[in-house]
Amino acid sequence: WHEYTGKDCIIDKGGDEADKEMAGQCNFSFVNGYFATFNF
């Protein structure tokens, strides 16, 4: 991926225990002007 300049990430559900569900989203803004959103 290109170098990113920031954005945000949120964990909506779980995230601290194995065998449990985790859900959220991370957003990235890149130096080339593009953006990407990763839902999980």
ModelCIF file with pLDDT and N, C-alpha, C, O atoms, coordinates in Angstrom:
data_MODEL
#
_entry.id   MODEL 
#
_entity.id                         1 
_entity.type                       polymer 
_entity.pdbx_number_of_molecules   1 
#
_entity_poly.entity_id                      1 
_entity_poly.type                           'polypeptide(L)' 
_entity_poly.nstd_linkage                   no 
_entity_poly.nstd_monomer                   no 
_entity_poly.pdbx_seq_one_letter_code       WHEYTGKDCIIDKGGDEADKEMAGQCNFSFVNGYFATFNF 
_entity_poly.pdbx_seq_one_letter_code_can   WHEYTGKDCIIDKGGDEADKEMAGQCNFSFVNGYFATFNF 
_entity_poly.pdbx_strand_id                 A 
#
loop_
_entity_poly_seq.entity_id 
_entity_poly_seq.num 
_entity_poly_seq.mon_id 
_entity_poly_seq.hetero 
1 1  TRP n 
1 2  HIS n 
1 3  GLU n 
1 4  TYR n 
1 5  THR n 
1 6  GLY n 
1 7  LYS n 
1 8  ASP n 
1 9  CYS n 
1 10 ILE n 
1 11 ILE n 
1 12 ASP n 
1 13 LYS n 
1 14 GLY n 
1 15 GLY n 
1 16 ASP n 
1 17 GLU n 
1 18 ALA n 
1 19 ASP n 
1 20 LYS n 
1 21 GLU n 
1 22 MET n 
1 23 ALA n 
1 24 GLY n 
1 25 GLN n 
1 26 CYS n 
1 27 ASN n 
1 28 PHE n 
1 29 SER n 
1 30 PHE n 
1 31 VAL n 
1 32 ASN n 
1 33 GLY n 
1 34 TYR n 
1 35 PHE n 
1 36 ALA n 
1 37 THR n 
1 38 PHE n 
1 39 ASN n 
1 40 PHE n 
#
_struct_asym.id          A 
_struct_asym.entity_id   1 
#
loop_
_ma_qa_metric.id 
_ma_qa_metric.mode 
_ma_qa_metric.name 
_ma_qa_metric.software_group_id 
_ma_qa_metric.type 
1 global pLDDT . pLDDT 
2 local  pLDDT . pLDDT 
#
_ma_qa_metric_global.metric_id      1 
_ma_qa_metric_global.metric_value   93.70 
_ma_qa_metric_global.model_id       1 
_ma_qa_metric_global.ordinal_id     1 
#
loop_
_ma_qa_metric_local.label_asym_id 
_ma_qa_metric_local.label_comp_id 
_ma_qa_metric_local.label_seq_id 
_ma_qa_metric_local.metric_id 
_ma_qa_metric_local.metric_value 
_ma_qa_metric_local.model_id 
_ma_qa_metric_local.ordinal_id 
A TRP 1  2 87.00 1 1  
A HIS 2  2 89.00 1 2  
A GLU 3  2 92.00 1 3  
A TYR 4  2 94.00 1 4  
A THR 5  2 94.00 1 5  
A GLY 6  2 94.00 1 6  
A LYS 7  2 96.00 1 7  
A ASP 8  2 98.00 1 8  
A CYS 9  2 97.00 1 9  
A ILE 10 2 97.00 1 10 
A ILE 11 2 97.00 1 11 
A ASP 12 2 96.00 1 12 
A LYS 13 2 95.00 1 13 
A GLY 14 2 91.00 1 14 
A GLY 15 2 85.00 1 15 
A ASP 16 2 82.00 1 16 
A GLU 17 2 85.00 1 17 
A ALA 18 2 86.00 1 18 
A ASP 19 2 90.00 1 19 
A LYS 20 2 91.00 1 20 
A GLU 21 2 94.00 1 21 
A MET 22 2 94.00 1 22 
A ALA 23 2 96.00 1 23 
A GLY 24 2 97.00 1 24 
A GLN 25 2 97.00 1 25 
A CYS 26 2 97.00 1 26 
A ASN 27 2 97.00 1 27 
A PHE 28 2 97.00 1 28 
A SER 29 2 97.00 1 29 
A PHE 30 2 95.00 1 30 
A VAL 31 2 95.00 1 31 
A ASN 32 2 94.00 1 32 
A GLY 33 2 94.00 1 33 
A TYR 34 2 95.00 1 34 
A PHE 35 2 96.00 1 35 
A ALA 36 2 95.00 1 36 
A THR 37 2 96.00 1 37 
A PHE 38 2 95.00 1 38 
A ASN 39 2 96.00 1 39 
A PHE 40 2 95.00 1 40 
#
loop_
_atom_site.group_PDB 
_atom_site.id 
_atom_site.type_symbol 
_atom_site.label_atom_id 
_atom_site.label_alt_id 
_atom_site.label_comp_id 
_atom_site.label_asym_id 
_atom_site.label_entity_id 
_atom_site.label_seq_id 
_atom_site.pdbx_PDB_ins_code 
_atom_site.Cartn_x 
_atom_site.Cartn_y 
_atom_site.Cartn_z 
_atom_site.occupancy 
_atom_site.B_iso_or_equiv 
_atom_site.pdbx_formal_charge 
_atom_site.auth_seq_id 
_atom_site.auth_comp_id 
_atom_site.auth_asym_id 
_atom_site.auth_atom_id 
_atom_site.pdbx_PDB_model_num 
ATOM 1   N N  . TRP A 1 1  ? 0.847   -1.192  0.000  1.00 87.00 ? 1  TRP A N  1 
ATOM 2   C CA . TRP A 1 1  ? 0.000   0.000   0.000  1.00 87.00 ? 1  TRP A CA 1 
ATOM 3   C C  . TRP A 1 1  ? 0.879   1.237   0.000  1.00 87.00 ? 1  TRP A C  1 
ATOM 4   O O  . TRP A 1 1  ? 2.018   1.193   0.466  1.00 87.00 ? 1  TRP A O  1 
ATOM 5   N N  . HIS A 1 2  ? 0.364   2.330   -0.515 1.00 89.00 ? 2  HIS A N  1 
ATOM 6   C CA . HIS A 1 2  ? 1.077   3.600   -0.432 1.00 89.00 ? 2  HIS A CA 1 
ATOM 7   C C  . HIS A 1 2  ? 1.154   4.017   1.032  1.00 89.00 ? 2  HIS A C  1 
ATOM 8   O O  . HIS A 1 2  ? 0.415   3.510   1.876  1.00 89.00 ? 2  HIS A O  1 
ATOM 9   N N  . GLU A 1 3  ? 2.051   4.938   1.313  1.00 92.00 ? 3  GLU A N  1 
ATOM 10  C CA . GLU A 1 3  ? 2.149   5.489   2.668  1.00 92.00 ? 3  GLU A CA 1 
ATOM 11  C C  . GLU A 1 3  ? 0.845   6.207   2.987  1.00 92.00 ? 3  GLU A C  1 
ATOM 12  O O  . GLU A 1 3  ? 0.276   6.887   2.134  1.00 92.00 ? 3  GLU A O  1 
ATOM 13  N N  . TYR A 1 4  ? 0.383   6.051   4.211  1.00 94.00 ? 4  TYR A N  1 
ATOM 14  C CA . TYR A 1 4  ? -0.860  6.729   4.595  1.00 94.00 ? 4  TYR A CA 1 
ATOM 15  C C  . TYR A 1 4  ? -0.571  7.844   5.585  1.00 94.00 ? 4  TYR A C  1 
ATOM 16  O O  . TYR A 1 4  ? 0.403   7.807   6.337  1.00 94.00 ? 4  TYR A O  1 
ATOM 17  N N  . THR A 1 5  ? -1.444  8.829   5.558  1.00 94.00 ? 5  THR A N  1 
ATOM 18  C CA . THR A 1 5  ? -1.252  10.031  6.377  1.00 94.00 ? 5  THR A CA 1 
ATOM 19  C C  . THR A 1 5  ? -2.153  10.050  7.600  1.00 94.00 ? 5  THR A C  1 
ATOM 20  O O  . THR A 1 5  ? -2.071  10.965  8.420  1.00 94.00 ? 5  THR A O  1 
ATOM 21  N N  . GLY A 1 6  ? -3.023  9.033   7.729  1.00 94.00 ? 6  GLY A N  1 
ATOM 22  C CA . GLY A 1 6  ? -3.889  8.957   8.890  1.00 94.00 ? 6  GLY A CA 1 
ATOM 23  C C  . GLY A 1 6  ? -5.316  8.687   8.516  1.00 94.00 ? 6  GLY A C  1 
ATOM 24  O O  . GLY A 1 6  ? -5.623  8.456   7.347  1.00 94.00 ? 6  GLY A O  1 
ATOM 25  N N  . LYS A 1 7  ? -6.163  8.712   9.458  1.00 96.00 ? 7  LYS A N  1 
ATOM 26  C CA . LYS A 1 7  ? -7.619  8.655   9.415  1.00 96.00 ? 7  LYS A CA 1 
ATOM 27  C C  . LYS A 1 7  ? -8.063  8.084   10.750 1.00 96.00 ? 7  LYS A C  1 
ATOM 28  O O  . LYS A 1 7  ? -7.695  8.629   11.791 1.00 96.00 ? 7  LYS A O  1 
ATOM 29  N N  . ASP A 1 8  ? -8.858  6.980   10.762 1.00 98.00 ? 8  ASP A N  1 
ATOM 30  C CA . ASP A 1 8  ? -9.393  6.506   12.038 1.00 98.00 ? 8  ASP A CA 1 
ATOM 31  C C  . ASP A 1 8  ? -9.717  5.015   12.016 1.00 98.00 ? 8  ASP A C  1 
ATOM 32  O O  . ASP A 1 8  ? -9.739  4.376   10.964 1.00 98.00 ? 8  ASP A O  1 
ATOM 33  N N  . CYS A 1 9  ? -9.963  4.490   13.197 1.00 97.00 ? 9  CYS A N  1 
ATOM 34  C CA . CYS A 1 9  ? -10.304 3.077   13.356 1.00 97.00 ? 9  CYS A CA 1 
ATOM 35  C C  . CYS A 1 9  ? -11.211 2.962   14.589 1.00 97.00 ? 9  CYS A C  1 
ATOM 36  O O  . CYS A 1 9  ? -10.951 3.575   15.624 1.00 97.00 ? 9  CYS A O  1 
ATOM 37  N N  . ILE A 1 10 ? -12.268 2.173   14.461 1.00 97.00 ? 10 ILE A N  1 
ATOM 38  C CA . ILE A 1 10 ? -13.178 1.948   15.586 1.00 97.00 ? 10 ILE A CA 1 
ATOM 39  C C  . ILE A 1 10 ? -13.436 0.454   15.736 1.00 97.00 ? 10 ILE A C  1 
ATOM 40  O O  . ILE A 1 10 ? -13.606 -0.263  14.749 1.00 97.00 ? 10 ILE A O  1 
ATOM 41  N N  . ILE A 1 11 ? -13.462 0.001   16.973 1.00 97.00 ? 11 ILE A N  1 
ATOM 42  C CA . ILE A 1 11 ? -13.845 -1.382  17.266 1.00 97.00 ? 11 ILE A CA 1 
ATOM 43  C C  . ILE A 1 11 ? -15.222 -1.316  17.910 1.00 97.00 ? 11 ILE A C  1 
ATOM 44  O O  . ILE A 1 11 ? -15.373 -0.893  19.056 1.00 97.00 ? 11 ILE A O  1 
ATOM 45  N N  . ASP A 1 12 ? -16.227 -1.745  17.143 1.00 96.00 ? 12 ASP A N  1 
ATOM 46  C CA . ASP A 1 12 ? -17.616 -1.674  17.598 1.00 96.00 ? 12 ASP A CA 1 
ATOM 47  C C  . ASP A 1 12 ? -17.991 -2.798  18.554 1.00 96.00 ? 12 ASP A C  1 
ATOM 48  O O  . ASP A 1 12 ? -18.834 -2.624  19.434 1.00 96.00 ? 12 ASP A O  1 
ATOM 49  N N  . LYS A 1 13 ? -17.351 -3.962  18.370 1.00 95.00 ? 13 LYS A N  1 
ATOM 50  C CA . LYS A 1 13 ? -17.751 -5.134  19.136 1.00 95.00 ? 13 LYS A CA 1 
ATOM 51  C C  . LYS A 1 13 ? -16.537 -5.980  19.472 1.00 95.00 ? 13 LYS A C  1 
ATOM 52  O O  . LYS A 1 13 ? -15.689 -6.225  18.615 1.00 95.00 ? 13 LYS A O  1 
ATOM 53  N N  . GLY A 1 14 ? -16.450 -6.429  20.726 1.00 91.00 ? 14 GLY A N  1 
ATOM 54  C CA . GLY A 1 14 ? -15.414 -7.360  21.156 1.00 91.00 ? 14 GLY A CA 1 
ATOM 55  C C  . GLY A 1 14 ? -14.019 -6.806  21.027 1.00 91.00 ? 14 GLY A C  1 
ATOM 56  O O  . GLY A 1 14 ? -13.778 -5.605  21.150 1.00 91.00 ? 14 GLY A O  1 
ATOM 57  N N  . GLY A 1 15 ? -13.082 -7.750  20.769 1.00 85.00 ? 15 GLY A N  1 
ATOM 58  C CA . GLY A 1 15 ? -11.710 -7.352  20.531 1.00 85.00 ? 15 GLY A CA 1 
ATOM 59  C C  . GLY A 1 15 ? -10.722 -7.693  21.606 1.00 85.00 ? 15 GLY A C  1 
ATOM 60  O O  . GLY A 1 15 ? -9.522  -7.482  21.429 1.00 85.00 ? 15 GLY A O  1 
ATOM 61  N N  . ASP A 1 16 ? -11.191 -8.218  22.721 1.00 82.00 ? 16 ASP A N  1 
ATOM 62  C CA . ASP A 1 16 ? -10.245 -8.490  23.799 1.00 82.00 ? 16 ASP A CA 1 
ATOM 63  C C  . ASP A 1 16 ? -10.293 -9.917  24.322 1.00 82.00 ? 16 ASP A C  1 
ATOM 64  O O  . ASP A 1 16 ? -9.764  -10.198 25.398 1.00 82.00 ? 16 ASP A O  1 
ATOM 65  N N  . GLU A 1 17 ? -10.925 -10.831 23.570 1.00 85.00 ? 17 GLU A N  1 
ATOM 66  C CA . GLU A 1 17 ? -11.018 -12.210 24.048 1.00 85.00 ? 17 GLU A CA 1 
ATOM 67  C C  . GLU A 1 17 ? -11.049 -13.173 22.863 1.00 85.00 ? 17 GLU A C  1 
ATOM 68  O O  . GLU A 1 17 ? -11.837 -13.005 21.933 1.00 85.00 ? 17 GLU A O  1 
ATOM 69  N N  . ALA A 1 18 ? -10.166 -14.198 22.911 1.00 86.00 ? 18 ALA A N  1 
ATOM 70  C CA . ALA A 1 18 ? -10.118 -15.208 21.852 1.00 86.00 ? 18 ALA A CA 1 
ATOM 71  C C  . ALA A 1 18 ? -11.433 -15.974 21.789 1.00 86.00 ? 18 ALA A C  1 
ATOM 72  O O  . ALA A 1 18 ? -12.127 -16.134 22.794 1.00 86.00 ? 18 ALA A O  1 
ATOM 73  N N  . ASP A 1 19 ? -11.759 -16.442 20.592 1.00 90.00 ? 19 ASP A N  1 
ATOM 74  C CA . ASP A 1 19 ? -12.976 -17.216 20.314 1.00 90.00 ? 19 ASP A CA 1 
ATOM 75  C C  . ASP A 1 19 ? -14.257 -16.398 20.461 1.00 90.00 ? 19 ASP A C  1 
ATOM 76  O O  . ASP A 1 19 ? -15.346 -16.963 20.568 1.00 90.00 ? 19 ASP A O  1 
ATOM 77  N N  . LYS A 1 20 ? -14.133 -15.085 20.467 1.00 91.00 ? 20 LYS A N  1 
ATOM 78  C CA . LYS A 1 20 ? -15.294 -14.188 20.504 1.00 91.00 ? 20 LYS A CA 1 
ATOM 79  C C  . LYS A 1 20 ? -15.282 -13.331 19.247 1.00 91.00 ? 20 LYS A C  1 
ATOM 80  O O  . LYS A 1 20 ? -14.236 -13.137 18.628 1.00 91.00 ? 20 LYS A O  1 
ATOM 81  N N  . GLU A 1 21 ? -16.455 -12.818 18.871 1.00 94.00 ? 21 GLU A N  1 
ATOM 82  C CA . GLU A 1 21 ? -16.553 -11.993 17.676 1.00 94.00 ? 21 GLU A CA 1 
ATOM 83  C C  . GLU A 1 21 ? -15.974 -10.600 17.916 1.00 94.00 ? 21 GLU A C  1 
ATOM 84  O O  . GLU A 1 21 ? -16.071 -10.037 19.007 1.00 94.00 ? 21 GLU A O  1 
ATOM 85  N N  . MET A 1 22 ? -15.375 -10.072 16.861 1.00 94.00 ? 22 MET A N  1 
ATOM 86  C CA . MET A 1 22 ? -14.857 -8.708  16.870 1.00 94.00 ? 22 MET A CA 1 
ATOM 87  C C  . MET A 1 22 ? -15.341 -8.038  15.594 1.00 94.00 ? 22 MET A C  1 
ATOM 88  O O  . MET A 1 22 ? -15.313 -8.654  14.528 1.00 94.00 ? 22 MET A O  1 
ATOM 89  N N  . ALA A 1 23 ? -15.783 -6.794  15.680 1.00 96.00 ? 23 ALA A N  1 
ATOM 90  C CA . ALA A 1 23 ? -16.263 -6.075  14.500 1.00 96.00 ? 23 ALA A CA 1 
ATOM 91  C C  . ALA A 1 23 ? -15.857 -4.613  14.597 1.00 96.00 ? 23 ALA A C  1 
ATOM 92  O O  . ALA A 1 23 ? -15.735 -4.051  15.685 1.00 96.00 ? 23 ALA A O  1 
ATOM 93  N N  . GLY A 1 24 ? -15.653 -4.015  13.435 1.00 97.00 ? 24 GLY A N  1 
ATOM 94  C CA . GLY A 1 24 ? -15.303 -2.603  13.399 1.00 97.00 ? 24 GLY A CA 1 
ATOM 95  C C  . GLY A 1 24 ? -14.929 -2.155  12.006 1.00 97.00 ? 24 GLY A C  1 
ATOM 96  O O  . GLY A 1 24 ? -15.293 -2.781  11.010 1.00 97.00 ? 24 GLY A O  1 
ATOM 97  N N  . GLN A 1 25 ? -14.191 -1.054  11.955 1.00 97.00 ? 25 GLN A N  1 
ATOM 98  C CA . GLN A 1 25 ? -13.829 -0.465  10.668 1.00 97.00 ? 25 GLN A CA 1 
ATOM 99  C C  . GLN A 1 25 ? -12.576 0.391   10.830 1.00 97.00 ? 25 GLN A C  1 
ATOM 100 O O  . GLN A 1 25 ? -12.429 1.117   11.813 1.00 97.00 ? 25 GLN A O  1 
ATOM 101 N N  . CYS A 1 26 ? -11.674 0.296   9.851  1.00 97.00 ? 26 CYS A N  1 
ATOM 102 C CA . CYS A 1 26 ? -10.507 1.168   9.798  1.00 97.00 ? 26 CYS A CA 1 
ATOM 103 C C  . CYS A 1 26 ? -10.518 1.913   8.471  1.00 97.00 ? 26 CYS A C  1 
ATOM 104 O O  . CYS A 1 26 ? -10.772 1.323   7.421  1.00 97.00 ? 26 CYS A O  1 
ATOM 105 N N  . ASN A 1 27 ? -10.243 3.200   8.524  1.00 97.00 ? 27 ASN A N  1 
ATOM 106 C CA . ASN A 1 27 ? -10.209 4.066   7.342  1.00 97.00 ? 27 ASN A CA 1 
ATOM 107 C C  . ASN A 1 27 ? -8.809  4.649   7.216  1.00 97.00 ? 27 ASN A C  1 
ATOM 108 O O  . ASN A 1 27 ? -8.209  5.066   8.206  1.00 97.00 ? 27 ASN A O  1 
ATOM 109 N N  . PHE A 1 28 ? -8.295  4.673   5.989  1.00 97.00 ? 28 PHE A N  1 
ATOM 110 C CA . PHE A 1 28 ? -6.956  5.180   5.729  1.00 97.00 ? 28 PHE A CA 1 
ATOM 111 C C  . PHE A 1 28 ? -7.011  6.243   4.644  1.00 97.00 ? 28 PHE A C  1 
ATOM 112 O O  . PHE A 1 28 ? -7.732  6.085   3.659  1.00 97.00 ? 28 PHE A O  1 
ATOM 113 N N  . SER A 1 29 ? -6.258  7.323   4.812  1.00 97.00 ? 29 SER A N  1 
ATOM 114 C CA . SER A 1 29 ? -6.063  8.305   3.744  1.00 97.00 ? 29 SER A CA 1 
ATOM 115 C C  . SER A 1 29 ? -4.592  8.220   3.347  1.00 97.00 ? 29 SER A C  1 
ATOM 116 O O  . SER A 1 29 ? -3.702  8.234   4.196  1.00 97.00 ? 29 SER A O  1 
ATOM 117 N N  . PHE A 1 30 ? -4.356  8.131   2.031  1.00 95.00 ? 30 PHE A N  1 
ATOM 118 C CA . PHE A 1 30 ? -3.014  7.897   1.517  1.00 95.00 ? 30 PHE A CA 1 
ATOM 119 C C  . PHE A 1 30 ? -2.402  9.166   0.940  1.00 95.00 ? 30 PHE A C  1 
ATOM 120 O O  . PHE A 1 30 ? -3.115  10.099  0.571  1.00 95.00 ? 30 PHE A O  1 
ATOM 121 N N  . VAL A 1 31 ? -1.081  9.192   0.867  1.00 95.00 ? 31 VAL A N  1 
ATOM 122 C CA . VAL A 1 31 ? -0.368  10.366  0.358  1.00 95.00 ? 31 VAL A CA 1 
ATOM 123 C C  . VAL A 1 31 ? -0.697  10.654  -1.108 1.00 95.00 ? 31 VAL A C  1 
ATOM 124 O O  . VAL A 1 31 ? -0.521  11.783  -1.566 1.00 95.00 ? 31 VAL A O  1 
ATOM 125 N N  . ASN A 1 32 ? -1.170  9.653   -1.846 1.00 94.00 ? 32 ASN A N  1 
ATOM 126 C CA . ASN A 1 32 ? -1.506  9.858   -3.261 1.00 94.00 ? 32 ASN A CA 1 
ATOM 127 C C  . ASN A 1 32 ? -2.932  10.381  -3.449 1.00 94.00 ? 32 ASN A C  1 
ATOM 128 O O  . ASN A 1 32 ? -3.396  10.503  -4.582 1.00 94.00 ? 32 ASN A O  1 
ATOM 129 N N  . GLY A 1 33 ? -3.641  10.695  -2.337 1.00 94.00 ? 33 GLY A N  1 
ATOM 130 C CA . GLY A 1 33 ? -4.978  11.256  -2.420 1.00 94.00 ? 33 GLY A CA 1 
ATOM 131 C C  . GLY A 1 33 ? -6.106  10.244  -2.332 1.00 94.00 ? 33 GLY A C  1 
ATOM 132 O O  . GLY A 1 33 ? -7.273  10.629  -2.253 1.00 94.00 ? 33 GLY A O  1 
ATOM 133 N N  . TYR A 1 34 ? -5.781  8.952   -2.345 1.00 95.00 ? 34 TYR A N  1 
ATOM 134 C CA . TYR A 1 34 ? -6.809  7.919   -2.266 1.00 95.00 ? 34 TYR A CA 1 
ATOM 135 C C  . TYR A 1 34 ? -7.184  7.635   -0.816 1.00 95.00 ? 34 TYR A C  1 
ATOM 136 O O  . TYR A 1 34 ? -6.446  7.967   0.112  1.00 95.00 ? 34 TYR A O  1 
ATOM 137 N N  . PHE A 1 35 ? -8.352  7.009   -0.643 1.00 96.00 ? 35 PHE A N  1 
ATOM 138 C CA . PHE A 1 35 ? -8.842  6.593   0.660  1.00 96.00 ? 35 PHE A CA 1 
ATOM 139 C C  . PHE A 1 35 ? -9.224  5.118   0.576  1.00 96.00 ? 35 PHE A C  1 
ATOM 140 O O  . PHE A 1 35 ? -9.575  4.627   -0.497 1.00 96.00 ? 35 PHE A O  1 
ATOM 141 N N  . ALA A 1 36 ? -9.158  4.413   1.700  1.00 95.00 ? 36 ALA A N  1 
ATOM 142 C CA . ALA A 1 36 ? -9.600  3.013   1.749  1.00 95.00 ? 36 ALA A CA 1 
ATOM 143 C C  . ALA A 1 36 ? -10.307 2.775   3.074  1.00 95.00 ? 36 ALA A C  1 
ATOM 144 O O  . ALA A 1 36 ? -9.897  3.282   4.118  1.00 95.00 ? 36 ALA A O  1 
ATOM 145 N N  . THR A 1 37 ? -11.373 1.997   3.009  1.00 96.00 ? 37 THR A N  1 
ATOM 146 C CA . THR A 1 37 ? -12.120 1.601   4.198  1.00 96.00 ? 37 THR A CA 1 
ATOM 147 C C  . THR A 1 37 ? -12.083 0.088   4.306  1.00 96.00 ? 37 THR A C  1 
ATOM 148 O O  . THR A 1 37 ? -12.396 -0.614  3.345  1.00 96.00 ? 37 THR A O  1 
ATOM 149 N N  . PHE A 1 38 ? -11.704 -0.415  5.467  1.00 95.00 ? 38 PHE A N  1 
ATOM 150 C CA . PHE A 1 38 ? -11.660 -1.845  5.734  1.00 95.00 ? 38 PHE A CA 1 
ATOM 151 C C  . PHE A 1 38 ? -12.650 -2.159  6.851  1.00 95.00 ? 38 PHE A C  1 
ATOM 152 O O  . PHE A 1 38 ? -12.443 -1.768  7.999  1.00 95.00 ? 38 PHE A O  1 
ATOM 153 N N  . ASN A 1 39 ? -13.719 -2.859  6.511  1.00 96.00 ? 39 ASN A N  1 
ATOM 154 C CA . ASN A 1 39 ? -14.672 -3.330  7.514  1.00 96.00 ? 39 ASN A CA 1 
ATOM 155 C C  . ASN A 1 39 ? -14.256 -4.718  7.947  1.00 96.00 ? 39 ASN A C  1 
ATOM 156 O O  . ASN A 1 39 ? -13.741 -5.496  7.145  1.00 96.00 ? 39 ASN A O  1 
ATOM 157 N N  . PHE A 1 40 ? -14.478 -5.031  9.210  1.00 95.00 ? 40 PHE A N  1 
ATOM 158 C CA . PHE A 1 40 ? -14.170 -6.378  9.663  1.00 95.00 ? 40 PHE A CA 1 
ATOM 159 C C  . PHE A 1 40 ? -15.231 -6.867  10.629 1.00 95.00 ? 40 PHE A C  1 
ATOM 160 O O  . PHE A 1 40 ? -15.144 -7.991  11.124 1.00 95.00 ? 40 PHE A O  1 
#
